[in-house]
Amino acid sequence: MKIKRFEEIGAWQKARELTRLIYKISARQKFSGDWELKDQIRAASLSVMSNIAEGFDSFSKVEFARFLNISRRSSSEIQSQLYVALDQGYIEQEDFRDLYERAEQVRKMITGFIKYLKDYNSNTR
């Protein structure tokens, strides 16, 4: 099955849901007062989604993989920022675990997609 639109990519769909939750939780009173962290974690979640979409419209699989690598790193950035939010008391342990695992799932899906693209490139030469 050929993917025709970036919205069909499973990792993008999961990243969209993660972004929705990041926005929701960072709007809470405690969290929203920390402008820098709030803006940074939101930017990282946007980066995950945006780089998948932008990479999809690349003219090559190699370029797409480059954008996916950026997206994957942004997933790790979210995880790191969640520790700060937890340590500052902006989120509870349960929210931390849920969001951390969602970011991990997105990161793993992106990693699998990168591997697929690299294998595809290796087999088409």
N, C-alpha and C. Protein backbone atom coordinates (compact mmCIF):
# COMPACT_ATOMS: atom_id res chain seq x y z
N MET A 1 0.84 -1.19 0.00
CA MET A 1 0.00 0.00 0.00
C MET A 1 0.88 1.25 0.00
N LYS A 2 0.68 2.08 -0.96
CA LYS A 2 1.46 3.31 -1.06
C LYS A 2 0.77 4.42 -0.27
N ILE A 3 1.55 5.14 0.51
CA ILE A 3 1.04 6.26 1.27
C ILE A 3 0.95 7.45 0.33
N LYS A 4 -0.22 8.06 0.26
CA LYS A 4 -0.44 9.17 -0.66
C LYS A 4 -0.43 10.53 0.02
N ARG A 5 -0.70 10.53 1.33
CA ARG A 5 -0.75 11.78 2.09
C ARG A 5 -0.05 11.57 3.43
N PHE A 6 0.59 12.60 3.94
CA PHE A 6 1.30 12.45 5.21
C PHE A 6 0.36 12.08 6.35
N GLU A 7 -0.91 12.45 6.23
CA GLU A 7 -1.89 12.14 7.28
C GLU A 7 -2.12 10.64 7.42
N GLU A 8 -1.71 9.86 6.44
CA GLU A 8 -1.87 8.41 6.48
C GLU A 8 -0.74 7.73 7.25
N ILE A 9 0.30 8.46 7.56
CA ILE A 9 1.46 7.88 8.25
C ILE A 9 1.12 7.69 9.72
N GLY A 10 1.25 6.46 10.20
CA GLY A 10 0.90 6.13 11.58
C GLY A 10 1.64 6.96 12.60
N ALA A 11 2.92 7.20 12.37
CA ALA A 11 3.72 8.00 13.31
C ALA A 11 3.20 9.44 13.37
N TRP A 12 2.78 9.99 12.23
CA TRP A 12 2.23 11.34 12.23
C TRP A 12 0.92 11.38 13.02
N GLN A 13 0.08 10.36 12.85
CA GLN A 13 -1.19 10.29 13.58
C GLN A 13 -0.96 10.25 15.09
N LYS A 14 0.00 9.43 15.50
CA LYS A 14 0.33 9.34 16.94
C LYS A 14 0.96 10.64 17.44
N ALA A 15 1.77 11.26 16.61
CA ALA A 15 2.39 12.54 16.99
C ALA A 15 1.33 13.63 17.13
N ARG A 16 0.33 13.59 16.29
CA ARG A 16 -0.77 14.55 16.39
C ARG A 16 -1.48 14.40 17.73
N GLU A 17 -1.77 13.18 18.11
CA GLU A 17 -2.43 12.93 19.40
C GLU A 17 -1.53 13.37 20.55
N LEU A 18 -0.25 13.07 20.48
CA LEU A 18 0.70 13.51 21.51
C LEU A 18 0.71 15.03 21.61
N THR A 19 0.73 15.70 20.49
CA THR A 19 0.73 17.17 20.47
C THR A 19 -0.54 17.72 21.12
N ARG A 20 -1.67 17.12 20.81
CA ARG A 20 -2.93 17.55 21.42
C ARG A 20 -2.85 17.45 22.94
N LEU A 21 -2.30 16.35 23.43
CA LEU A 21 -2.19 16.14 24.87
C LEU A 21 -1.16 17.08 25.51
N ILE A 22 -0.06 17.32 24.81
CA ILE A 22 0.97 18.26 25.30
C ILE A 22 0.36 19.66 25.45
N TYR A 23 -0.40 20.09 24.46
CA TYR A 23 -1.04 21.39 24.54
C TYR A 23 -2.03 21.44 25.71
N LYS A 24 -2.78 20.38 25.88
CA LYS A 24 -3.78 20.32 26.94
C LYS A 24 -3.11 20.41 28.32
N ILE A 25 -2.10 19.58 28.53
CA ILE A 25 -1.47 19.54 29.85
C ILE A 25 -0.64 20.79 30.14
N SER A 26 -0.05 21.37 29.10
CA SER A 26 0.77 22.56 29.32
C SER A 26 -0.08 23.82 29.49
N ALA A 27 -1.38 23.71 29.26
CA ALA A 27 -2.28 24.83 29.49
C ALA A 27 -2.74 24.90 30.95
N ARG A 28 -2.45 23.86 31.71
CA ARG A 28 -2.83 23.85 33.13
C ARG A 28 -2.12 24.98 33.86
N GLN A 29 -2.75 25.44 34.91
CA GLN A 29 -2.29 26.63 35.61
C GLN A 29 -0.81 26.57 36.01
N LYS A 30 -0.40 25.53 36.69
CA LYS A 30 1.00 25.44 37.13
C LYS A 30 1.96 25.48 35.95
N PHE A 31 1.67 24.68 34.96
CA PHE A 31 2.55 24.52 33.81
C PHE A 31 2.57 25.80 32.96
N SER A 32 1.41 26.37 32.74
CA SER A 32 1.31 27.50 31.81
C SER A 32 2.08 28.74 32.27
N GLY A 33 2.38 28.82 33.56
CA GLY A 33 3.14 29.95 34.07
C GLY A 33 4.62 29.90 33.73
N ASP A 34 5.10 28.73 33.39
CA ASP A 34 6.50 28.57 32.99
C ASP A 34 6.55 28.71 31.47
N TRP A 35 6.61 29.93 31.01
CA TRP A 35 6.51 30.22 29.58
C TRP A 35 7.57 29.50 28.76
N GLU A 36 8.78 29.49 29.26
CA GLU A 36 9.87 28.90 28.49
C GLU A 36 9.67 27.40 28.28
N LEU A 37 9.37 26.68 29.36
CA LEU A 37 9.17 25.24 29.24
C LEU A 37 7.93 24.94 28.42
N LYS A 38 6.86 25.67 28.67
CA LYS A 38 5.62 25.46 27.92
C LYS A 38 5.86 25.65 26.43
N ASP A 39 6.51 26.74 26.07
CA ASP A 39 6.78 27.01 24.66
C ASP A 39 7.72 25.96 24.06
N GLN A 40 8.70 25.53 24.82
CA GLN A 40 9.69 24.58 24.32
C GLN A 40 9.07 23.20 24.08
N ILE A 41 8.26 22.72 25.02
CA ILE A 41 7.68 21.38 24.85
C ILE A 41 6.62 21.40 23.74
N ARG A 42 5.92 22.51 23.61
CA ARG A 42 4.97 22.63 22.51
C ARG A 42 5.71 22.67 21.17
N ALA A 43 6.79 23.41 21.12
CA ALA A 43 7.58 23.50 19.88
C ALA A 43 8.14 22.13 19.50
N ALA A 44 8.59 21.38 20.49
CA ALA A 44 9.13 20.04 20.21
C ALA A 44 8.03 19.12 19.67
N SER A 45 6.83 19.21 20.24
CA SER A 45 5.75 18.36 19.75
C SER A 45 5.34 18.77 18.33
N LEU A 46 5.33 20.06 18.07
CA LEU A 46 5.05 20.53 16.71
C LEU A 46 6.12 20.07 15.73
N SER A 47 7.35 20.04 16.18
CA SER A 47 8.46 19.61 15.34
C SER A 47 8.32 18.16 14.91
N VAL A 48 7.83 17.33 15.81
CA VAL A 48 7.64 15.91 15.46
C VAL A 48 6.67 15.80 14.30
N MET A 49 5.51 16.41 14.45
CA MET A 49 4.49 16.36 13.39
C MET A 49 4.96 17.03 12.10
N SER A 50 5.50 18.22 12.25
CA SER A 50 5.86 19.02 11.08
C SER A 50 6.96 18.39 10.25
N ASN A 51 7.95 17.81 10.90
CA ASN A 51 9.05 17.22 10.15
C ASN A 51 8.64 15.93 9.43
N ILE A 52 7.69 15.20 10.00
CA ILE A 52 7.15 14.04 9.27
C ILE A 52 6.45 14.52 8.01
N ALA A 53 5.61 15.55 8.17
CA ALA A 53 4.86 16.07 7.02
C ALA A 53 5.79 16.68 5.98
N GLU A 54 6.73 17.50 6.43
CA GLU A 54 7.65 18.15 5.51
C GLU A 54 8.53 17.13 4.78
N GLY A 55 9.01 16.16 5.52
CA GLY A 55 9.83 15.12 4.91
C GLY A 55 9.09 14.29 3.89
N PHE A 56 7.80 14.08 4.13
CA PHE A 56 6.99 13.31 3.19
C PHE A 56 6.99 13.93 1.81
N ASP A 57 7.05 15.24 1.75
CA ASP A 57 7.06 15.93 0.46
C ASP A 57 8.45 16.13 -0.11
N SER A 58 9.42 15.43 0.44
CA SER A 58 10.78 15.47 -0.11
C SER A 58 10.81 14.75 -1.45
N PHE A 59 11.82 15.05 -2.20
CA PHE A 59 11.95 14.41 -3.50
C PHE A 59 12.74 13.10 -3.45
N SER A 60 13.22 12.76 -2.25
CA SER A 60 13.98 11.51 -2.16
C SER A 60 13.75 10.85 -0.82
N LYS A 61 13.97 9.56 -0.78
CA LYS A 61 13.85 8.79 0.46
C LYS A 61 14.93 9.22 1.45
N VAL A 62 16.10 9.56 0.95
CA VAL A 62 17.21 9.99 1.81
C VAL A 62 16.83 11.29 2.52
N GLU A 63 16.26 12.22 1.78
CA GLU A 63 15.83 13.49 2.36
C GLU A 63 14.70 13.26 3.36
N PHE A 64 13.77 12.38 3.03
CA PHE A 64 12.67 12.06 3.95
C PHE A 64 13.25 11.50 5.25
N ALA A 65 14.21 10.61 5.15
CA ALA A 65 14.83 10.02 6.35
C ALA A 65 15.51 11.10 7.19
N ARG A 66 16.10 12.11 6.54
CA ARG A 66 16.73 13.20 7.28
C ARG A 66 15.70 13.95 8.12
N PHE A 67 14.55 14.25 7.53
CA PHE A 67 13.49 14.92 8.27
C PHE A 67 12.96 14.03 9.40
N LEU A 68 12.85 12.74 9.13
CA LEU A 68 12.39 11.81 10.17
C LEU A 68 13.37 11.75 11.34
N ASN A 69 14.66 11.87 11.05
CA ASN A 69 15.65 11.90 12.13
C ASN A 69 15.45 13.12 13.03
N ILE A 70 15.13 14.25 12.44
CA ILE A 70 14.85 15.46 13.22
C ILE A 70 13.61 15.22 14.09
N SER A 71 12.62 14.64 13.49
CA SER A 71 11.38 14.33 14.20
C SER A 71 11.63 13.39 15.37
N ARG A 72 12.43 12.38 15.14
CA ARG A 72 12.76 11.42 16.20
C ARG A 72 13.48 12.11 17.36
N ARG A 73 14.42 12.99 17.04
CA ARG A 73 15.14 13.72 18.10
C ARG A 73 14.20 14.62 18.88
N SER A 74 13.22 15.20 18.21
CA SER A 74 12.23 16.03 18.91
C SER A 74 11.39 15.20 19.87
N SER A 75 11.12 13.95 19.53
CA SER A 75 10.41 13.06 20.45
C SER A 75 11.22 12.85 21.72
N SER A 76 12.51 12.68 21.57
CA SER A 76 13.39 12.54 22.74
C SER A 76 13.43 13.83 23.54
N GLU A 77 13.39 14.96 22.85
CA GLU A 77 13.38 16.26 23.52
C GLU A 77 12.13 16.39 24.39
N ILE A 78 10.99 15.95 23.88
CA ILE A 78 9.75 15.97 24.67
C ILE A 78 9.94 15.15 25.94
N GLN A 79 10.52 13.97 25.80
CA GLN A 79 10.72 13.12 26.96
C GLN A 79 11.58 13.81 28.02
N SER A 80 12.62 14.46 27.59
CA SER A 80 13.50 15.17 28.53
C SER A 80 12.75 16.31 29.22
N GLN A 81 11.96 17.04 28.46
CA GLN A 81 11.21 18.16 29.02
C GLN A 81 10.12 17.69 29.98
N LEU A 82 9.61 16.50 29.75
CA LEU A 82 8.63 15.95 30.68
C LEU A 82 9.24 15.73 32.07
N TYR A 83 10.52 15.38 32.11
CA TYR A 83 11.20 15.24 33.41
C TYR A 83 11.22 16.58 34.14
N VAL A 84 11.48 17.65 33.41
CA VAL A 84 11.49 18.98 34.04
C VAL A 84 10.10 19.31 34.58
N ALA A 85 9.08 19.05 33.78
CA ALA A 85 7.71 19.32 34.21
C ALA A 85 7.35 18.51 35.46
N LEU A 86 7.79 17.26 35.48
CA LEU A 86 7.54 16.41 36.65
C LEU A 86 8.30 16.94 37.86
N ASP A 87 9.57 17.24 37.69
CA ASP A 87 10.41 17.71 38.79
C ASP A 87 9.91 19.03 39.37
N GLN A 88 9.30 19.86 38.54
CA GLN A 88 8.78 21.15 39.00
C GLN A 88 7.37 21.05 39.56
N GLY A 89 6.80 19.87 39.51
CA GLY A 89 5.45 19.68 40.03
C GLY A 89 4.35 20.17 39.11
N TYR A 90 4.67 20.34 37.82
CA TYR A 90 3.68 20.81 36.86
C TYR A 90 2.76 19.68 36.40
N ILE A 91 3.28 18.45 36.46
CA ILE A 91 2.49 17.28 36.07
C ILE A 91 2.66 16.20 37.13
N GLU A 92 1.68 15.32 37.19
CA GLU A 92 1.72 14.18 38.11
C GLU A 92 2.45 13.01 37.45
N GLN A 93 2.88 12.08 38.26
CA GLN A 93 3.61 10.90 37.77
C GLN A 93 2.81 10.15 36.70
N GLU A 94 1.51 10.04 36.88
CA GLU A 94 0.67 9.32 35.92
C GLU A 94 0.68 10.01 34.55
N ASP A 95 0.55 11.34 34.55
CA ASP A 95 0.62 12.09 33.29
C ASP A 95 2.00 11.95 32.65
N PHE A 96 3.03 12.02 33.49
CA PHE A 96 4.40 11.86 33.00
C PHE A 96 4.54 10.52 32.27
N ARG A 97 4.14 9.44 32.96
CA ARG A 97 4.28 8.09 32.37
C ARG A 97 3.53 7.98 31.04
N ASP A 98 2.29 8.48 31.02
CA ASP A 98 1.48 8.38 29.81
C ASP A 98 2.12 9.14 28.65
N LEU A 99 2.49 10.39 28.89
CA LEU A 99 3.08 11.19 27.82
C LEU A 99 4.45 10.67 27.41
N TYR A 100 5.24 10.23 28.38
CA TYR A 100 6.56 9.68 28.07
C TYR A 100 6.42 8.45 27.17
N GLU A 101 5.49 7.56 27.52
CA GLU A 101 5.29 6.35 26.71
C GLU A 101 4.75 6.67 25.33
N ARG A 102 3.90 7.66 25.23
CA ARG A 102 3.40 8.07 23.91
C ARG A 102 4.54 8.61 23.05
N ALA A 103 5.39 9.43 23.65
CA ALA A 103 6.54 9.96 22.91
C ALA A 103 7.47 8.82 22.51
N GLU A 104 7.63 7.84 23.39
CA GLU A 104 8.47 6.67 23.08
C GLU A 104 7.89 5.88 21.92
N GLN A 105 6.58 5.70 21.92
CA GLN A 105 5.93 4.97 20.83
C GLN A 105 6.13 5.70 19.50
N VAL A 106 5.96 7.00 19.51
CA VAL A 106 6.17 7.80 18.29
C VAL A 106 7.62 7.66 17.83
N ARG A 107 8.56 7.77 18.78
CA ARG A 107 9.98 7.66 18.44
C ARG A 107 10.28 6.31 17.81
N LYS A 108 9.73 5.25 18.37
CA LYS A 108 9.97 3.90 17.83
C LYS A 108 9.35 3.74 16.44
N MET A 109 8.17 4.30 16.24
CA MET A 109 7.53 4.22 14.92
C MET A 109 8.37 4.96 13.89
N ILE A 110 8.88 6.12 14.26
CA ILE A 110 9.72 6.89 13.35
C ILE A 110 11.00 6.13 13.04
N THR A 111 11.60 5.53 14.07
CA THR A 111 12.83 4.74 13.87
C THR A 111 12.57 3.60 12.89
N GLY A 112 11.43 2.93 13.04
CA GLY A 112 11.07 1.85 12.11
C GLY A 112 10.89 2.36 10.69
N PHE A 113 10.31 3.53 10.56
CA PHE A 113 10.10 4.12 9.24
C PHE A 113 11.43 4.48 8.60
N ILE A 114 12.35 5.02 9.39
CA ILE A 114 13.68 5.35 8.88
C ILE A 114 14.37 4.08 8.38
N LYS A 115 14.28 3.02 9.17
CA LYS A 115 14.90 1.75 8.78
C LYS A 115 14.29 1.24 7.48
N TYR A 116 12.99 1.33 7.36
CA TYR A 116 12.31 0.92 6.13
C TYR A 116 12.84 1.71 4.93
N LEU A 117 12.95 3.04 5.08
CA LEU A 117 13.44 3.88 3.97
C LEU A 117 14.87 3.54 3.60
N LYS A 118 15.71 3.28 4.60
CA LYS A 118 17.10 2.92 4.31
C LYS A 118 17.18 1.57 3.62
N ASP A 119 16.38 0.61 4.09
CA ASP A 119 16.35 -0.71 3.45
C ASP A 119 15.82 -0.60 2.03
N TYR A 120 14.80 0.23 1.83
CA TYR A 120 14.24 0.45 0.51
C TYR A 120 15.29 1.01 -0.44
N ASN A 121 16.07 1.99 0.06
CA ASN A 121 17.13 2.58 -0.76
C ASN A 121 18.20 1.56 -1.09
N SER A 122 18.54 0.72 -0.13
CA SER A 122 19.58 -0.30 -0.34
C SER A 122 19.15 -1.31 -1.39
N ASN A 123 17.85 -1.63 -1.40
CA ASN A 123 17.34 -2.66 -2.32
C ASN A 123 17.02 -2.13 -3.71
N THR A 124 17.02 -0.81 -3.87
CA THR A 124 16.66 -0.26 -5.18
C THR A 124 17.87 0.22 -5.96
N ARG A 125 19.04 -0.02 -5.48
CA ARG A 125 20.25 0.43 -6.18
C ARG A 125 20.70 -0.56 -7.19
